[in-house]
Protein backbone atom coordinates (compact mmCIF):
# COMPACT_ATOMS: atom_id res chain seq x y z
CA MET A 1 13.44 30.51 48.37
CA ALA A 2 12.24 26.90 47.86
CA THR A 3 9.05 25.97 49.79
CA ILE A 4 8.61 22.58 51.41
CA ARG A 5 6.37 21.61 48.51
CA ASP A 6 9.16 22.51 46.12
CA ARG A 7 11.48 20.30 48.11
CA ALA A 8 8.96 17.48 48.16
CA GLU A 9 8.51 17.58 44.35
CA GLN A 10 12.36 17.58 43.88
CA TYR A 11 12.67 14.66 46.27
CA LEU A 12 9.94 12.61 44.53
CA ALA A 13 11.50 13.36 41.12
CA MET A 14 14.91 12.18 42.34
CA ARG A 15 13.42 8.97 43.74
CA HIS A 16 11.59 8.32 40.47
CA GLN A 17 14.84 8.83 38.47
CA LEU A 18 16.57 6.28 40.76
CA GLY A 19 13.95 3.67 39.80
CA PHE A 20 11.78 3.72 42.88
CA LYS A 21 7.96 2.99 42.47
CA LEU A 22 6.20 5.88 44.17
CA SER A 23 2.62 4.42 44.29
CA LYS A 24 2.54 4.97 48.05
CA THR A 25 5.40 7.28 48.75
CA ALA A 26 4.18 10.15 46.52
CA PRO A 27 0.58 10.36 47.88
CA TYR A 28 1.86 10.15 51.45
CA VAL A 29 4.52 12.76 51.08
CA CYS A 30 2.11 15.13 49.25
CA SER A 31 -0.55 14.56 51.91
CA PHE A 32 1.93 15.36 54.68
CA VAL A 33 3.08 18.54 52.90
CA THR A 34 -0.56 19.61 52.57
CA TYR A 35 -1.06 18.92 56.27
CA LEU A 36 1.99 21.12 57.11
CA GLU A 37 0.70 23.96 54.84
CA GLN A 38 -2.70 23.83 56.35
CA SER A 39 -1.17 23.95 59.80
CA GLY A 40 0.88 27.00 58.85
CA MET A 41 4.19 25.13 59.14
CA SER A 42 7.22 25.44 56.85
CA VAL A 43 9.46 22.90 58.42
CA VAL A 44 9.12 19.23 59.37
CA THR A 45 8.93 18.48 63.04
CA THR A 46 8.70 15.16 64.86
CA ASP A 47 5.37 16.15 66.47
CA ALA A 48 3.86 17.23 63.16
CA ALA A 49 4.99 13.90 61.51
CA LEU A 50 3.62 11.84 64.35
CA THR A 51 0.31 13.71 64.37
CA TRP A 52 -0.09 13.32 60.62
CA ALA A 53 0.72 9.57 60.72
CA THR A 54 -1.72 8.78 63.54
CA GLU A 55 -4.51 11.30 63.27
CA GLN A 56 -4.80 12.11 59.62
CA THR A 57 -5.84 8.54 58.65
CA ARG A 58 -8.83 6.26 58.83
CA GLY A 59 -8.95 3.85 61.61
CA ALA A 60 -6.49 2.91 64.36
CA ASN A 61 -4.04 0.71 62.61
CA PRO A 62 -0.53 0.84 64.25
CA ALA A 63 1.09 -0.89 61.27
CA ASN A 64 -0.30 1.66 58.91
CA TRP A 65 0.86 4.45 61.24
CA ALA A 66 4.30 2.99 61.26
CA ARG A 67 4.41 2.72 57.40
CA ARG A 68 3.28 6.36 57.08
CA LEU A 69 5.81 7.61 59.54
CA MET A 70 8.61 5.60 57.94
CA ILE A 71 8.00 7.27 54.56
CA ILE A 72 8.08 10.73 56.21
CA ARG A 73 11.21 9.76 58.18
CA ILE A 74 13.00 8.96 54.91
CA PHE A 75 11.78 12.20 53.37
CA ALA A 76 12.95 14.16 56.43
CA ARG A 77 16.48 12.66 56.24
CA HIS A 78 16.76 13.94 52.68
CA LEU A 79 15.25 17.30 53.63
CA GLN A 80 17.59 17.89 56.58
CA THR A 81 20.55 18.09 54.20
CA LEU A 82 18.86 21.12 52.57
CA GLU A 83 16.97 22.49 55.62
CA PRO A 84 18.99 22.03 58.80
CA ALA A 85 15.97 22.86 60.91
CA THR A 86 14.20 19.70 59.80
CA GLU A 87 13.56 17.24 62.58
CA ILE A 88 13.92 13.52 61.76
CA PRO A 89 11.41 11.28 63.75
CA PRO A 90 13.40 8.78 65.80
CA ASP A 91 13.69 5.24 64.55
CA ASP A 92 12.15 3.90 67.73
CA LEU A 93 9.08 6.09 67.28
CA LEU A 94 6.32 3.78 65.85
CA PRO A 95 8.86 1.19 64.67
CA LEU A 96 7.62 -0.82 61.75
CA ARG A 97 7.36 -4.51 62.50
CA ARG A 98 6.99 -6.36 59.15
CA GLU A 99 4.58 -9.23 59.37
CA ARG A 100 4.55 -11.14 56.15
CA ILE A 101 1.23 -12.63 55.07
CA THR A 102 1.36 -16.46 55.17
CA PRO A 103 0.91 -17.44 51.61
CA TYR A 104 -1.47 -20.03 50.25
CA LEU A 105 0.32 -22.69 48.36
CA PHE A 106 -1.70 -24.03 45.56
CA SER A 107 -1.57 -27.82 45.02
CA PRO A 108 -1.44 -29.23 41.41
CA THR A 109 -5.12 -30.13 41.86
CA ASP A 110 -5.97 -26.49 42.89
CA LEU A 111 -4.15 -25.17 39.83
CA ASP A 112 -5.93 -27.64 37.48
CA ALA A 113 -9.29 -26.67 38.87
CA LEU A 114 -8.53 -22.98 38.78
CA LEU A 115 -7.40 -23.09 35.12
CA ALA A 116 -10.34 -25.26 34.11
CA ALA A 117 -12.68 -22.76 35.68
CA ALA A 118 -10.96 -19.88 33.86
CA GLY A 119 -11.43 -21.77 30.65
CA GLN A 120 -15.18 -21.82 31.14
CA LEU A 121 -15.55 -18.03 31.33
CA ARG A 122 -17.41 -16.10 28.69
CA PRO A 123 -16.84 -14.83 26.12
CA ALA A 124 -14.35 -17.40 24.94
CA PHE A 125 -11.51 -14.95 24.35
CA ARG A 126 -11.74 -13.62 27.95
CA ALA A 127 -11.52 -17.29 29.09
CA LEU A 128 -8.36 -17.77 26.89
CA THR A 129 -6.80 -14.57 28.24
CA TYR A 130 -7.39 -15.29 31.90
CA ARG A 131 -6.40 -18.92 31.57
CA THR A 132 -3.21 -17.85 29.83
CA LEU A 133 -2.42 -15.14 32.38
CA PHE A 134 -2.97 -17.33 35.46
CA ALA A 135 -1.09 -20.25 33.97
CA LEU A 136 1.81 -17.92 33.08
CA LEU A 137 1.94 -16.69 36.65
CA ALA A 138 1.93 -20.34 37.96
CA VAL A 139 4.68 -21.62 35.76
CA THR A 140 7.06 -18.62 35.83
CA GLY A 141 6.47 -16.91 39.19
CA LEU A 142 6.01 -13.57 37.47
CA ARG A 143 4.36 -10.72 39.35
CA VAL A 144 0.91 -9.99 37.89
CA GLY A 145 2.03 -6.48 36.87
CA GLU A 146 4.98 -7.94 35.04
CA ALA A 147 2.80 -10.28 33.00
CA CYS A 148 0.31 -7.56 32.14
CA ARG A 149 3.06 -5.21 31.00
CA LEU A 150 4.51 -7.71 28.49
CA ASP A 151 4.48 -6.47 25.04
CA CYS A 152 4.38 -8.68 21.94
CA GLU A 153 8.03 -7.84 21.31
CA ASP A 154 8.94 -9.05 24.85
CA VAL A 155 7.59 -12.56 24.11
CA ASP A 156 10.19 -14.32 21.96
CA LEU A 157 8.51 -17.54 20.84
CA THR A 158 11.65 -18.61 18.95
CA THR A 159 14.01 -18.68 21.88
CA GLY A 160 11.35 -19.16 24.53
CA VAL A 161 12.47 -16.11 26.57
CA LEU A 162 10.37 -13.41 28.09
CA THR A 163 11.86 -9.98 28.59
CA ILE A 164 10.59 -8.27 31.73
CA THR A 165 11.17 -4.52 31.68
CA ASP A 166 10.60 -1.75 34.29
CA SER A 167 9.83 -4.21 36.90
CA LYS A 168 9.91 -3.64 40.67
CA PHE A 169 12.84 -1.32 41.69
CA GLY A 170 13.15 -0.39 37.98
CA LYS A 171 14.91 -3.71 37.20
CA SER A 172 14.75 -5.67 33.92
CA ARG A 173 15.55 -9.38 33.36
CA GLN A 174 15.05 -12.22 30.92
CA VAL A 175 12.96 -15.22 31.94
CA PRO A 176 13.30 -18.46 29.93
CA VAL A 177 10.21 -20.67 29.88
CA HIS A 178 9.51 -24.35 29.11
CA ASP A 179 8.63 -25.52 25.63
CA SER A 180 5.07 -26.29 26.77
CA THR A 181 4.68 -22.71 27.86
CA VAL A 182 5.96 -21.49 24.51
CA THR A 183 3.39 -23.71 22.78
CA ALA A 184 0.64 -22.17 24.95
CA LEU A 185 1.79 -18.59 24.35
CA ALA A 186 2.07 -19.19 20.65
CA ASP A 187 -1.51 -20.53 20.56
CA TYR A 188 -2.64 -17.44 22.45
CA ARG A 189 -0.75 -15.12 20.15
CA ARG A 190 -2.37 -16.74 17.10
CA GLN A 191 -5.87 -16.29 18.43
CA ARG A 192 -5.09 -12.79 19.67
CA ASP A 193 -3.87 -11.69 16.27
CA GLN A 194 -7.08 -12.97 14.57
CA ARG A 195 -9.21 -10.57 16.54
CA PRO A 196 -10.19 -7.26 15.09
CA ASN A 197 -8.54 -4.12 16.30
CA THR A 198 -5.84 -5.97 18.30
CA ARG A 199 -2.83 -5.73 16.04
CA THR A 200 -2.50 -2.05 16.89
CA SER A 201 -1.99 -2.78 20.53
CA PRO A 202 1.56 -3.58 21.63
CA ALA A 203 0.33 -5.52 24.70
CA PHE A 204 0.60 -9.29 24.52
CA LEU A 205 -2.20 -10.10 26.93
CA ILE A 206 -5.33 -8.01 25.97
CA SER A 207 -8.95 -7.68 27.11
CA ILE A 208 -11.89 -8.43 24.88
CA LYS A 209 -11.82 -4.74 23.93
CA GLY A 210 -8.27 -5.05 22.69
CA THR A 211 -6.74 -3.10 25.49
CA ARG A 212 -3.86 -4.01 27.86
CA LEU A 213 -4.94 -5.90 30.97
CA ASP A 214 -4.92 -3.79 34.16
CA PRO A 215 -3.14 -5.63 36.89
CA GLU A 216 -5.23 -3.73 39.51
CA ASN A 217 -8.38 -5.34 38.05
CA MET A 218 -7.14 -8.89 38.08
CA ALA A 219 -7.67 -9.68 41.77
CA VAL A 220 -11.48 -9.59 41.44
CA PRO A 221 -11.84 -12.21 38.66
CA PHE A 222 -9.07 -14.34 40.30
CA GLY A 223 -10.94 -14.26 43.62
CA LYS A 224 -14.22 -15.31 41.91
CA LEU A 225 -12.45 -18.26 40.27
CA VAL A 226 -10.91 -19.29 43.58
CA ASN A 227 -14.37 -19.19 45.25
CA ALA A 228 -16.09 -20.97 42.38
CA VAL A 229 -13.76 -24.03 42.64
CA GLY A 230 -13.83 -24.10 46.40
CA ILE A 231 -10.25 -23.26 47.17
CA LYS A 232 -10.01 -22.15 50.77
CA ALA A 233 -7.10 -21.16 53.05
CA PRO A 234 -6.69 -22.85 56.41
CA ALA A 235 -8.46 -21.16 59.33
CA GLY A 236 -6.87 -17.95 60.39
CA GLN A 237 -5.07 -17.36 57.14
CA ARG A 238 -5.93 -14.79 54.39
CA ARG A 239 -7.81 -16.12 51.40
CA PRO A 240 -5.72 -17.22 48.37
CA ARG A 241 -4.44 -14.37 46.28
CA GLN A 242 -3.10 -14.25 42.79
CA HIS A 243 0.31 -13.26 44.21
CA ASP A 244 0.34 -16.69 45.97
CA LEU A 245 0.91 -18.24 42.61
CA ARG A 246 4.42 -16.64 42.75
CA HIS A 247 4.92 -18.08 46.24
CA THR A 248 3.80 -21.47 44.99
CA PHE A 249 6.21 -21.46 42.04
CA ALA A 250 9.14 -20.46 44.26
CA THR A 251 8.27 -23.10 46.85
CA ALA A 252 7.84 -25.83 44.30
CA THR A 253 11.20 -25.00 42.74
CA LEU A 254 12.97 -25.23 46.10
CA LEU A 255 11.15 -28.46 46.89
CA ASP A 256 12.26 -29.98 43.63
CA TRP A 257 15.84 -29.06 44.30
CA TYR A 258 15.83 -30.53 47.79
CA ARG A 259 14.17 -33.73 46.57
CA GLN A 260 16.74 -34.03 43.78
CA GLY A 261 19.48 -33.85 46.36
CA VAL A 262 21.16 -30.77 44.77
CA ASP A 263 23.06 -28.19 46.78
CA VAL A 264 20.37 -25.46 47.14
CA GLN A 265 22.62 -22.76 48.64
CA PRO A 266 24.48 -21.85 45.40
CA ARG A 267 21.24 -22.01 43.36
CA LEU A 268 19.36 -19.52 45.47
CA PRO A 269 20.96 -16.51 43.65
CA LEU A 270 19.73 -18.03 40.36
CA LEU A 271 16.20 -18.31 41.69
CA SER A 272 16.50 -14.73 43.02
CA THR A 273 17.49 -13.44 39.57
CA TYR A 274 14.76 -15.38 37.83
CA LEU A 275 12.10 -14.01 40.29
CA GLY A 276 13.51 -10.45 40.00
CA HIS A 277 14.52 -10.14 43.70
CA THR A 278 17.10 -7.52 44.38
CA ASP A 279 18.50 -9.52 47.33
CA PRO A 280 18.70 -13.31 47.86
CA ARG A 281 17.40 -12.73 51.44
CA SER A 282 13.97 -12.09 49.92
CA THR A 283 14.12 -15.58 48.40
CA TYR A 284 15.22 -17.23 51.63
CA TRP A 285 11.77 -16.21 53.06
CA TYR A 286 10.14 -18.87 50.91
CA LEU A 287 11.87 -21.51 53.09
CA SER A 288 9.54 -20.51 55.91
CA GLY A 289 6.40 -20.70 53.86
CA SER A 290 6.13 -24.46 53.70
CA PRO A 291 6.53 -26.96 56.51
CA GLU A 292 7.74 -29.52 54.01
CA LEU A 293 10.46 -27.18 52.88
CA LEU A 294 11.58 -26.50 56.44
CA ALA A 295 11.74 -30.20 57.12
CA LEU A 296 13.81 -30.91 54.03
CA ALA A 297 16.16 -27.98 54.84
CA ALA A 298 16.55 -29.21 58.34
CA GLN A 299 17.22 -32.82 57.15
CA ARG A 300 19.82 -31.43 54.72
CA LEU A 301 21.50 -29.48 57.50
CA GLU A 302 21.59 -32.60 59.74
CA THR A 303 23.07 -34.61 56.92
CA SER A 304 25.74 -31.99 56.34
CA PHE A 305 26.87 -32.35 60.01
CA GLY A 306 26.89 -36.08 59.80
CA GLY A 307 23.80 -36.56 62.03
CA HIS A 308 25.86 -35.83 65.14
CA HIS A 309 24.30 -33.91 68.04
CA GLU A 310 25.94 -32.42 71.04
């Protein structure tokens, strides 16, 4: 007879095959199963899930409790089809209220200063790599993990197209880039290939040791560069993050469209595809990240209705 750990391993394997990233789901499910085993339980109950979510964690963080319970709720729904005695925690128990972090939108001056500072790092090849990485994020809106996972074969310098594979939700896409970006990438490739012990690495962006960049380690040097050039978020907001380069790209693209007077609505799916969003609703959120964007959108709406008010 299958144990609850067997069921959990089958569940996680199925999710992985469907393309889900399990960086948080797998540790949480395994932790919960261990909690059940240590408690002498062989079936999921609402009380056990709630206790694990709120007590088997550090600190009193309701948002974190809700995320943990949500993961177990999804697992329990799957499990109940196999084990009818499984209890599914109600949706209104620790409901998750998503609060998006207000992004920092980098100005052109910010970006110039940031890239200039990256270019002053030592040794020189580290400077070149970091400058290339952060510039690529700024002009394409790629996720940092997508940029770090680029292989040389994914960067077509002839057609000016990047192939993004195994991205979020297991999706792949092609990202065309501007000629100036192709020139910069070609220069990086030339200097990369001149370094010893680098041609054996498939990665396009590499460390001074010739290894692939680790996206988990990029936040620290980025934060140091931000501090070094004095870029600061408004009071009450989180300090600028490398992911905010993606927000900046999306917002700048939308602003350009509004300023050009184009019909933004039919273009949003194109931007969604370019950014690798699974749903245009994720792209709509960028409209709320900039007061200027909101003003332009409101102005466009008013114009569409002929400026009449009731």
